[in-house]
Amino acid sequence: MADNRVIQGRMQTPESLAELIEGESVMDAEPIEDAEKDCPDCGENVVTVGYMPSALEFVTGYKCQECDWAETDRD
Protein backbone atom coordinates (compact mmCIF):
# COMPACT_ATOMS: atom_id res chain seq x y z
CA MET A 1 0.00 0.00 0.00
CA ALA A 2 1.27 3.51 -0.72
CA ASP A 3 2.93 5.40 2.10
CA ASN A 4 1.12 8.67 1.33
CA ARG A 5 -2.66 9.19 1.47
CA VAL A 6 -5.05 12.04 0.75
CA ILE A 7 -6.59 13.24 4.02
CA GLN A 8 -9.11 16.11 3.87
CA GLY A 9 -7.91 17.00 0.38
CA ARG A 10 -4.18 17.14 1.23
CA MET A 11 -1.48 14.54 0.65
CA GLN A 12 -0.15 13.27 3.98
CA THR A 13 2.88 11.12 4.79
CA PRO A 14 2.70 8.75 7.78
CA GLU A 15 4.68 11.28 9.83
CA SER A 16 2.53 14.26 8.85
CA LEU A 17 -0.68 12.30 9.54
CA ALA A 18 0.65 11.29 12.98
CA GLU A 19 1.50 14.94 13.67
CA LEU A 20 -2.01 15.98 12.57
CA ILE A 21 -3.54 13.49 15.04
CA GLU A 22 -1.07 14.16 17.86
CA GLY A 23 -0.97 17.94 17.50
CA GLU A 24 2.83 18.02 17.69
CA SER A 25 5.84 16.39 16.07
CA VAL A 26 6.47 12.65 16.42
CA MET A 27 9.66 10.58 16.39
CA ASP A 28 8.60 7.87 13.93
CA ALA A 29 5.50 6.55 12.15
CA GLU A 30 4.45 3.32 10.45
CA PRO A 31 2.71 3.16 7.03
CA ILE A 32 -0.87 4.46 6.82
CA GLU A 33 -3.52 1.72 6.56
CA ASP A 34 -7.30 1.52 6.18
CA ALA A 35 -8.94 1.17 9.60
CA GLU A 36 -11.89 -0.72 8.08
CA LYS A 37 -14.40 1.36 10.01
CA ASP A 38 -16.47 4.42 9.26
CA CYS A 39 -16.17 7.85 10.84
CA PRO A 40 -18.66 8.31 13.71
CA ASP A 41 -19.15 11.97 12.69
CA CYS A 42 -19.62 11.86 8.91
CA GLY A 43 -19.64 8.16 7.92
CA GLU A 44 -16.61 8.39 5.58
CA ASN A 45 -13.50 6.17 5.57
CA VAL A 46 -11.09 6.13 8.52
CA VAL A 47 -7.36 5.46 8.22
CA THR A 48 -4.94 4.42 10.94
CA VAL A 49 -1.27 5.08 11.62
CA GLY A 50 0.98 3.78 14.38
CA TYR A 51 3.53 6.25 15.69
CA MET A 52 5.95 7.07 18.49
CA PRO A 53 5.38 10.52 20.03
CA SER A 54 8.32 9.80 22.37
CA ALA A 55 10.95 7.11 22.81
CA LEU A 56 8.84 5.39 25.47
CA GLU A 57 5.36 5.43 23.90
CA PHE A 58 3.68 3.80 20.88
CA VAL A 59 0.24 5.11 19.88
CA THR A 60 -2.24 4.03 17.24
CA GLY A 61 -4.08 7.00 15.78
CA TYR A 62 -7.28 7.03 13.73
CA LYS A 63 -8.27 9.85 11.35
CA CYS A 64 -11.25 10.41 9.07
CA GLN A 65 -10.21 11.07 5.48
CA GLU A 66 -12.93 13.72 4.99
CA CYS A 67 -13.59 15.57 8.29
CA ASP A 68 -11.74 16.71 11.43
CA TRP A 69 -12.55 13.60 13.53
CA ALA A 70 -9.51 11.84 15.02
CA GLU A 71 -8.76 9.68 18.08
CA THR A 72 -6.00 7.56 19.57
CA ASP A 73 -5.91 4.28 21.47
CA ARG A 74 -4.71 6.01 24.66
CA ASP A 75 -6.80 5.31 27.74
C-alpha atoms as a PDB file:
ATOM      1  CA  MET A   1       0.000   0.000   0.000  1.00  0.00           C
ATOM      2  CA  ALA A   2       1.266   3.512  -0.717  1.00  0.00           C
ATOM      3  CA  ASP A   3       2.932   5.400   2.101  1.00  0.00           C
ATOM      4  CA  ASN A   4       1.116   8.666   1.333  1.00  0.00           C
ATOM      5  CA  ARG A   5      -2.658   9.189   1.471  1.00  0.00           C
ATOM      6  CA  VAL A   6      -5.051  12.043   0.749  1.00  0.00           C
ATOM      7  CA  ILE A   7      -6.594  13.238   4.023  1.00  0.00           C
ATOM      8  CA  GLN A   8      -9.106  16.108   3.866  1.00  0.00           C
ATOM      9  CA  GLY A   9      -7.906  17.001   0.379  1.00  0.00           C
ATOM     10  CA  ARG A  10      -4.175  17.136   1.234  1.00  0.00           C
ATOM     11  CA  MET A  11      -1.483  14.536   0.647  1.00  0.00           C
ATOM     12  CA  GLN A  12      -0.146  13.267   3.984  1.00  0.00           C
ATOM     13  CA  THR A  13       2.884  11.121   4.787  1.00  0.00           C
ATOM     14  CA  PRO A  14       2.702   8.750   7.782  1.00  0.00           C
ATOM     15  CA  GLU A  15       4.677  11.276   9.835  1.00  0.00           C
ATOM     16  CA  SER A  16       2.526  14.259   8.850  1.00  0.00           C
ATOM     17  CA  LEU A  17      -0.682  12.301   9.542  1.00  0.00           C
ATOM     18  CA  ALA A  18       0.647  11.290  12.976  1.00  0.00           C
ATOM     19  CA  GLU A  19       1.499  14.942  13.671  1.00  0.00           C
ATOM     20  CA  LEU A  20      -2.007  15.976  12.570  1.00  0.00           C
ATOM     21  CA  ILE A  21      -3.541  13.493  15.040  1.00  0.00           C
ATOM     22  CA  GLU A  22      -1.065  14.159  17.864  1.00  0.00           C
ATOM     23  CA  GLY A  23      -0.971  17.936  17.504  1.00  0.00           C
ATOM     24  CA  GLU A  24       2.830  18.024  17.687  1.00  0.00           C
ATOM     25  CA  SER A  25       5.841  16.394  16.068  1.00  0.00           C
ATOM     26  CA  VAL A  26       6.473  12.646  16.420  1.00  0.00           C
ATOM     27  CA  MET A  27       9.663  10.581  16.390  1.00  0.00           C
ATOM     28  CA  ASP A  28       8.596   7.867  13.927  1.00  0.00           C
ATOM     29  CA  ALA A  29       5.497   6.552  12.147  1.00  0.00           C
ATOM     30  CA  GLU A  30       4.452   3.318  10.445  1.00  0.00           C
ATOM     31  CA  PRO A  31       2.708   3.162   7.035  1.00  0.00           C
ATOM     32  CA  ILE A  32      -0.872   4.458   6.820  1.00  0.00           C
ATOM     33  CA  GLU A  33      -3.516   1.720   6.562  1.00  0.00           C
ATOM     34  CA  ASP A  34      -7.299   1.524   6.179  1.00  0.00           C
ATOM     35  CA  ALA A  35      -8.936   1.172   9.601  1.00  0.00           C
ATOM     36  CA  GLU A  36     -11.890  -0.719   8.080  1.00  0.00           C
ATOM     37  CA  LYS A  37     -14.401   1.361  10.014  1.00  0.00           C
ATOM     38  CA  ASP A  38     -16.466   4.425   9.260  1.00  0.00           C
ATOM     39  CA  CYS A  39     -16.165   7.849  10.839  1.00  0.00           C
ATOM     40  CA  PRO A  40     -18.661   8.309  13.708  1.00  0.00           C
ATOM     41  CA  ASP A  41     -19.152  11.969  12.694  1.00  0.00           C
ATOM     42  CA  CYS A  42     -19.615  11.862   8.911  1.00  0.00           C
ATOM     43  CA  GLY A  43     -19.636   8.160   7.917  1.00  0.00           C
ATOM     44  CA  GLU A  44     -16.612   8.393   5.581  1.00  0.00           C
ATOM     45  CA  ASN A  45     -13.496   6.171   5.570  1.00  0.00           C
ATOM     46  CA  VAL A  46     -11.093   6.128   8.519  1.00  0.00           C
ATOM     47  CA  VAL A  47      -7.360   5.459   8.218  1.00  0.00           C
ATOM     48  CA  THR A  48      -4.940   4.417  10.943  1.00  0.00           C
ATOM     49  CA  VAL A  49      -1.271   5.085  11.624  1.00  0.00           C
ATOM     50  CA  GLY A  50       0.980   3.775  14.383  1.00  0.00           C
ATOM     51  CA  TYR A  51       3.531   6.248  15.692  1.00  0.00           C
ATOM     52  CA  MET A  52       5.947   7.072  18.490  1.00  0.00           C
ATOM     53  CA  PRO A  53       5.382  10.520  20.027  1.00  0.00           C
ATOM     54  CA  SER A  54       8.315   9.798  22.370  1.00  0.00           C
ATOM     55  CA  ALA A  55      10.954   7.106  22.815  1.00  0.00           C
ATOM     56  CA  LEU A  56       8.840   5.391  25.471  1.00  0.00           C
ATOM     57  CA  GLU A  57       5.361   5.426  23.901  1.00  0.00           C
ATOM     58  CA  PHE A  58       3.683   3.803  20.883  1.00  0.00           C
ATOM     59  CA  VAL A  59       0.245   5.115  19.881  1.00  0.00           C
ATOM     60  CA  THR A  60      -2.240   4.031  17.238  1.00  0.00           C
ATOM     61  CA  GLY A  61      -4.076   7.003  15.779  1.00  0.00           C
ATOM     62  CA  TYR A  62      -7.279   7.030  13.729  1.00  0.00           C
ATOM     63  CA  LYS A  63      -8.266   9.849  11.353  1.00  0.00           C
ATOM     64  CA  CYS A  64     -11.245  10.406   9.068  1.00  0.00           C
ATOM     65  CA  GLN A  65     -10.209  11.065   5.477  1.00  0.00           C
ATOM     66  CA  GLU A  66     -12.934  13.716   4.991  1.00  0.00           C
ATOM     67  CA  CYS A  67     -13.586  15.568   8.286  1.00  0.00           C
ATOM     68  CA  ASP A  68     -11.739  16.708  11.434  1.00  0.00           C
ATOM     69  CA  TRP A  69     -12.552  13.595  13.530  1.00  0.00           C
ATOM     70  CA  ALA A  70      -9.515  11.837  15.016  1.00  0.00           C
ATOM     71  CA  GLU A  71      -8.762   9.681  18.079  1.00  0.00           C
ATOM     72  CA  THR A  72      -5.999   7.556  19.565  1.00  0.00           C
ATOM     73  CA  ASP A  73      -5.908   4.282  21.472  1.00  0.00           C
ATOM     74  CA  ARG A  74      -4.707   6.006  24.664  1.00  0.00           C
ATOM     75  CA  ASP A  75      -6.796   5.310  27.744  1.00  0.00           C
END
